Amino acid sequence: MKTSVNFSDFIDAFKRFDRYDGYGYEALKVIFEYLEEYEESTGEEIELDVIAICCDYNAEHYTAIASNYSIDLDGLDDDEAKNAVIEYIQDNSAYLGEAIDGELVYQCF
């Protein structure tokens, strides 16, 4: 038996598991929309598993991602550097989008 989950339920689940602060509203909105689009395009239902989602997706500023993955940003201005990080993510995983606070949301790799 499955239950449909709306965005409010999704947020509440992250709060119940004390995982909300690791993402915030905007990053979770990007993840939720990505998962909904995935379900619609594949016809596959996804189980709401907060811990699994936390293991699979991350949201960080592009400079933190560059540091974590040793992406060389020397000589690049901010826009070029952010675009280089997005391209790196797209080449190695899935880029979900950018949260309003500037964090890039991506599938961990």
N, C-alpha and C. Protein backbone atom coordinates (compact mmCIF):
# COMPACT_ATOMS: atom_id res chain seq x y z
N MET A 1 0.85 -1.17 0.00
CA MET A 1 0.00 0.00 0.00
C MET A 1 0.90 1.24 0.00
N LYS A 2 0.64 2.15 -0.90
CA LYS A 2 1.45 3.36 -1.03
C LYS A 2 0.62 4.58 -0.67
N THR A 3 1.30 5.61 -0.19
CA THR A 3 0.67 6.88 0.12
C THR A 3 1.34 7.95 -0.71
N SER A 4 0.57 8.83 -1.31
CA SER A 4 1.13 9.95 -2.05
C SER A 4 1.70 10.95 -1.06
N VAL A 5 2.83 11.53 -1.44
CA VAL A 5 3.50 12.49 -0.58
C VAL A 5 3.56 13.83 -1.30
N ASN A 6 3.08 14.88 -0.65
CA ASN A 6 3.23 16.21 -1.23
C ASN A 6 4.48 16.86 -0.64
N PHE A 7 4.79 18.06 -1.09
CA PHE A 7 6.02 18.71 -0.64
C PHE A 7 6.01 18.96 0.86
N SER A 8 4.88 19.31 1.42
CA SER A 8 4.78 19.55 2.86
C SER A 8 5.10 18.27 3.64
N ASP A 9 4.58 17.13 3.18
CA ASP A 9 4.88 15.85 3.82
C ASP A 9 6.38 15.53 3.73
N PHE A 10 6.96 15.84 2.58
CA PHE A 10 8.38 15.61 2.33
C PHE A 10 9.22 16.40 3.34
N ILE A 11 8.91 17.68 3.49
CA ILE A 11 9.61 18.54 4.45
C ILE A 11 9.44 18.00 5.87
N ASP A 12 8.22 17.66 6.23
CA ASP A 12 7.93 17.14 7.57
C ASP A 12 8.74 15.88 7.86
N ALA A 13 8.88 15.00 6.87
CA ALA A 13 9.66 13.78 7.07
C ALA A 13 11.12 14.10 7.36
N PHE A 14 11.69 15.07 6.67
CA PHE A 14 13.07 15.47 6.93
C PHE A 14 13.21 16.09 8.32
N LYS A 15 12.22 16.82 8.75
CA LYS A 15 12.24 17.40 10.10
C LYS A 15 12.14 16.30 11.16
N ARG A 16 11.27 15.30 10.93
CA ARG A 16 11.12 14.20 11.89
C ARG A 16 12.43 13.43 12.07
N PHE A 17 13.18 13.28 11.00
CA PHE A 17 14.45 12.56 11.05
C PHE A 17 15.63 13.49 11.39
N ASP A 18 15.32 14.75 11.72
CA ASP A 18 16.33 15.73 12.09
C ASP A 18 17.37 15.92 10.97
N ARG A 19 16.89 15.92 9.72
CA ARG A 19 17.76 16.08 8.54
C ARG A 19 17.46 17.35 7.76
N TYR A 20 16.47 18.11 8.20
CA TYR A 20 16.06 19.32 7.47
C TYR A 20 17.19 20.33 7.37
N ASP A 21 17.87 20.58 8.49
CA ASP A 21 18.90 21.62 8.52
C ASP A 21 20.09 21.31 7.63
N GLY A 22 20.29 20.05 7.30
CA GLY A 22 21.38 19.70 6.40
C GLY A 22 21.13 20.12 4.96
N TYR A 23 19.87 20.46 4.65
CA TYR A 23 19.50 20.84 3.29
C TYR A 23 18.83 22.21 3.24
N GLY A 24 17.80 22.38 4.04
CA GLY A 24 17.01 23.60 3.98
C GLY A 24 15.88 23.48 2.97
N TYR A 25 14.98 24.40 3.05
CA TYR A 25 13.74 24.40 2.26
C TYR A 25 14.03 24.35 0.76
N GLU A 26 14.86 25.25 0.28
CA GLU A 26 15.08 25.38 -1.16
C GLU A 26 15.76 24.15 -1.77
N ALA A 27 16.77 23.62 -1.11
CA ALA A 27 17.46 22.43 -1.63
C ALA A 27 16.51 21.23 -1.62
N LEU A 28 15.71 21.10 -0.58
CA LEU A 28 14.74 20.00 -0.53
C LEU A 28 13.68 20.15 -1.62
N LYS A 29 13.34 21.38 -1.95
CA LYS A 29 12.38 21.61 -3.03
C LYS A 29 12.97 21.11 -4.35
N VAL A 30 14.24 21.38 -4.59
CA VAL A 30 14.91 20.92 -5.81
C VAL A 30 14.90 19.39 -5.86
N ILE A 31 15.23 18.75 -4.74
CA ILE A 31 15.26 17.28 -4.68
C ILE A 31 13.86 16.72 -4.90
N PHE A 32 12.86 17.28 -4.22
CA PHE A 32 11.48 16.81 -4.35
C PHE A 32 11.01 16.89 -5.80
N GLU A 33 11.25 18.03 -6.45
CA GLU A 33 10.83 18.21 -7.84
C GLU A 33 11.56 17.23 -8.76
N TYR A 34 12.83 16.99 -8.50
CA TYR A 34 13.59 16.02 -9.30
C TYR A 34 13.00 14.61 -9.16
N LEU A 35 12.70 14.23 -7.92
CA LEU A 35 12.14 12.90 -7.69
C LEU A 35 10.75 12.75 -8.29
N GLU A 36 9.94 13.80 -8.21
CA GLU A 36 8.62 13.76 -8.83
C GLU A 36 8.74 13.61 -10.35
N GLU A 37 9.65 14.36 -10.94
CA GLU A 37 9.86 14.28 -12.39
C GLU A 37 10.36 12.88 -12.78
N TYR A 38 11.23 12.31 -11.96
CA TYR A 38 11.72 10.96 -12.21
C TYR A 38 10.56 9.96 -12.21
N GLU A 39 9.69 10.07 -11.20
CA GLU A 39 8.53 9.17 -11.13
C GLU A 39 7.65 9.30 -12.36
N GLU A 40 7.39 10.54 -12.77
CA GLU A 40 6.52 10.78 -13.92
C GLU A 40 7.13 10.25 -15.22
N SER A 41 8.44 10.43 -15.37
CA SER A 41 9.07 10.03 -16.63
C SER A 41 9.31 8.52 -16.73
N THR A 42 9.44 7.85 -15.59
CA THR A 42 9.72 6.41 -15.61
C THR A 42 8.50 5.56 -15.27
N GLY A 43 7.51 6.17 -14.63
CA GLY A 43 6.35 5.41 -14.17
C GLY A 43 6.65 4.60 -12.92
N GLU A 44 7.83 4.76 -12.37
CA GLU A 44 8.26 4.03 -11.17
C GLU A 44 7.99 4.87 -9.92
N GLU A 45 7.28 4.29 -8.95
CA GLU A 45 7.04 4.99 -7.70
C GLU A 45 8.27 4.90 -6.81
N ILE A 46 8.56 5.98 -6.12
CA ILE A 46 9.70 6.03 -5.22
C ILE A 46 9.19 6.03 -3.79
N GLU A 47 9.80 5.23 -2.96
CA GLU A 47 9.46 5.19 -1.54
C GLU A 47 10.15 6.35 -0.84
N LEU A 48 9.45 7.05 0.04
CA LEU A 48 10.04 8.13 0.80
C LEU A 48 10.91 7.54 1.90
N ASP A 49 12.20 7.56 1.68
CA ASP A 49 13.19 7.06 2.62
C ASP A 49 14.19 8.18 2.84
N VAL A 50 13.98 8.94 3.91
CA VAL A 50 14.79 10.13 4.18
C VAL A 50 16.28 9.80 4.25
N ILE A 51 16.62 8.74 4.94
CA ILE A 51 18.04 8.38 5.08
C ILE A 51 18.65 8.04 3.73
N ALA A 52 17.95 7.30 2.90
CA ALA A 52 18.45 6.96 1.57
C ALA A 52 18.63 8.22 0.72
N ILE A 53 17.67 9.13 0.80
CA ILE A 53 17.78 10.38 0.05
C ILE A 53 18.99 11.17 0.52
N CYS A 54 19.23 11.20 1.84
CA CYS A 54 20.39 11.91 2.38
C CYS A 54 21.70 11.27 1.91
N CYS A 55 21.69 9.97 1.71
CA CYS A 55 22.88 9.28 1.20
C CYS A 55 23.09 9.53 -0.29
N ASP A 56 21.99 9.76 -1.00
CA ASP A 56 22.05 9.88 -2.46
C ASP A 56 22.21 11.30 -2.98
N TYR A 57 21.77 12.31 -2.23
CA TYR A 57 21.76 13.68 -2.73
C TYR A 57 22.41 14.64 -1.73
N ASN A 58 23.03 15.66 -2.28
CA ASN A 58 23.72 16.64 -1.44
C ASN A 58 23.47 18.03 -1.99
N ALA A 59 23.67 19.03 -1.14
CA ALA A 59 23.56 20.44 -1.52
C ALA A 59 24.69 21.19 -0.86
N GLU A 60 25.53 21.81 -1.70
CA GLU A 60 26.68 22.55 -1.19
C GLU A 60 26.99 23.72 -2.11
N HIS A 61 27.71 24.68 -1.58
CA HIS A 61 28.20 25.78 -2.39
C HIS A 61 29.25 25.23 -3.36
N TYR A 62 29.36 25.82 -4.52
CA TYR A 62 30.27 25.27 -5.53
C TYR A 62 31.72 25.22 -5.06
N THR A 63 32.13 26.13 -4.18
CA THR A 63 33.52 26.11 -3.70
C THR A 63 33.77 24.89 -2.81
N ALA A 64 32.77 24.49 -2.04
CA ALA A 64 32.92 23.30 -1.19
C ALA A 64 32.99 22.05 -2.06
N ILE A 65 32.18 22.00 -3.10
CA ILE A 65 32.22 20.85 -4.02
C ILE A 65 33.58 20.78 -4.70
N ALA A 66 34.07 21.93 -5.15
CA ALA A 66 35.38 21.96 -5.81
C ALA A 66 36.47 21.46 -4.87
N SER A 67 36.40 21.85 -3.63
CA SER A 67 37.38 21.40 -2.63
C SER A 67 37.26 19.90 -2.38
N ASN A 68 36.03 19.42 -2.23
CA ASN A 68 35.80 17.99 -1.94
C ASN A 68 36.24 17.07 -3.07
N TYR A 69 36.13 17.55 -4.31
CA TYR A 69 36.44 16.72 -5.47
C TYR A 69 37.71 17.18 -6.21
N SER A 70 38.47 18.05 -5.57
CA SER A 70 39.75 18.54 -6.13
C SER A 70 39.58 19.09 -7.54
N ILE A 71 38.57 19.92 -7.72
CA ILE A 71 38.32 20.57 -9.02
C ILE A 71 39.13 21.87 -9.04
N ASP A 72 39.99 22.02 -10.02
CA ASP A 72 40.85 23.20 -10.13
C ASP A 72 40.06 24.37 -10.70
N LEU A 73 39.93 25.42 -9.90
CA LEU A 73 39.20 26.61 -10.32
C LEU A 73 40.12 27.82 -10.48
N ASP A 74 41.42 27.60 -10.45
CA ASP A 74 42.39 28.71 -10.56
C ASP A 74 42.17 29.49 -11.85
N GLY A 75 42.16 30.81 -11.70
CA GLY A 75 42.04 31.70 -12.85
C GLY A 75 40.63 31.90 -13.36
N LEU A 76 39.64 31.30 -12.73
CA LEU A 76 38.26 31.43 -13.17
C LEU A 76 37.51 32.44 -12.30
N ASP A 77 36.68 33.26 -12.93
CA ASP A 77 35.84 34.14 -12.12
C ASP A 77 34.71 33.30 -11.52
N ASP A 78 33.87 33.92 -10.68
CA ASP A 78 32.83 33.17 -9.96
C ASP A 78 31.89 32.40 -10.89
N ASP A 79 31.41 33.06 -11.93
CA ASP A 79 30.48 32.38 -12.85
C ASP A 79 31.15 31.22 -13.57
N GLU A 80 32.37 31.44 -14.04
CA GLU A 80 33.10 30.37 -14.73
C GLU A 80 33.38 29.21 -13.78
N ALA A 81 33.73 29.53 -12.54
CA ALA A 81 34.03 28.49 -11.56
C ALA A 81 32.78 27.67 -11.24
N LYS A 82 31.68 28.36 -11.03
CA LYS A 82 30.44 27.64 -10.74
C LYS A 82 30.05 26.76 -11.93
N ASN A 83 30.17 27.28 -13.13
CA ASN A 83 29.85 26.49 -14.33
C ASN A 83 30.79 25.30 -14.49
N ALA A 84 32.06 25.46 -14.12
CA ALA A 84 33.01 24.35 -14.19
C ALA A 84 32.61 23.25 -13.21
N VAL A 85 32.15 23.63 -12.04
CA VAL A 85 31.71 22.64 -11.04
C VAL A 85 30.45 21.93 -11.53
N ILE A 86 29.51 22.69 -12.07
CA ILE A 86 28.27 22.08 -12.60
C ILE A 86 28.62 21.09 -13.71
N GLU A 87 29.52 21.47 -14.59
CA GLU A 87 29.93 20.57 -15.68
C GLU A 87 30.59 19.30 -15.13
N TYR A 88 31.40 19.46 -14.10
CA TYR A 88 32.05 18.30 -13.46
C TYR A 88 30.99 17.35 -12.89
N ILE A 89 30.00 17.93 -12.22
CA ILE A 89 28.92 17.11 -11.65
C ILE A 89 28.18 16.38 -12.78
N GLN A 90 27.83 17.10 -13.83
CA GLN A 90 27.10 16.50 -14.95
C GLN A 90 27.90 15.38 -15.61
N ASP A 91 29.21 15.52 -15.65
CA ASP A 91 30.06 14.49 -16.25
C ASP A 91 30.18 13.25 -15.36
N ASN A 92 29.97 13.41 -14.06
CA ASN A 92 30.20 12.32 -13.12
C ASN A 92 28.97 11.82 -12.38
N SER A 93 27.88 12.57 -12.47
CA SER A 93 26.69 12.20 -11.71
C SER A 93 25.49 12.93 -12.30
N ALA A 94 24.56 13.33 -11.44
CA ALA A 94 23.37 14.07 -11.88
C ALA A 94 23.32 15.41 -11.16
N TYR A 95 23.20 16.46 -11.94
CA TYR A 95 23.02 17.81 -11.40
C TYR A 95 21.52 18.07 -11.36
N LEU A 96 20.98 18.34 -10.16
CA LEU A 96 19.54 18.52 -10.01
C LEU A 96 19.12 19.97 -10.19
N GLY A 97 19.97 20.90 -9.80
CA GLY A 97 19.64 22.31 -9.92
C GLY A 97 20.31 23.13 -8.84
N GLU A 98 19.96 24.40 -8.81
CA GLU A 98 20.54 25.32 -7.84
C GLU A 98 19.45 25.85 -6.93
N ALA A 99 19.70 25.79 -5.64
CA ALA A 99 18.77 26.34 -4.66
C ALA A 99 18.89 27.86 -4.68
N ILE A 100 17.89 28.53 -4.19
CA ILE A 100 17.85 29.98 -4.23
C ILE A 100 19.02 30.61 -3.45
N ASP A 101 19.56 29.89 -2.47
CA ASP A 101 20.67 30.41 -1.69
C ASP A 101 22.03 30.15 -2.36
N GLY A 102 22.01 29.59 -3.57
CA GLY A 102 23.24 29.38 -4.33
C GLY A 102 23.86 28.01 -4.18
N GLU A 103 23.30 27.18 -3.31
CA GLU A 103 23.84 25.83 -3.18
C GLU A 103 23.46 25.01 -4.41
N LEU A 104 24.41 24.19 -4.86
CA LEU A 104 24.16 23.30 -5.98
C LEU A 104 23.67 21.97 -5.42
N VAL A 105 22.62 21.45 -6.00
CA VAL A 105 22.03 20.20 -5.54
C VAL A 105 22.38 19.12 -6.57
N TYR A 106 22.94 18.01 -6.06
CA TYR A 106 23.43 16.98 -6.98
C TYR A 106 23.34 15.61 -6.34
N GLN A 107 23.42 14.59 -7.22
CA GLN A 107 23.46 13.22 -6.74
C GLN A 107 24.90 12.91 -6.36
N CYS A 108 25.08 12.36 -5.18
CA CYS A 108 26.44 12.05 -4.69
C CYS A 108 27.12 11.03 -5.61
N PHE A 109 28.42 11.17 -5.72
CA PHE A 109 29.20 10.25 -6.54
C PHE A 109 30.53 9.99 -5.90
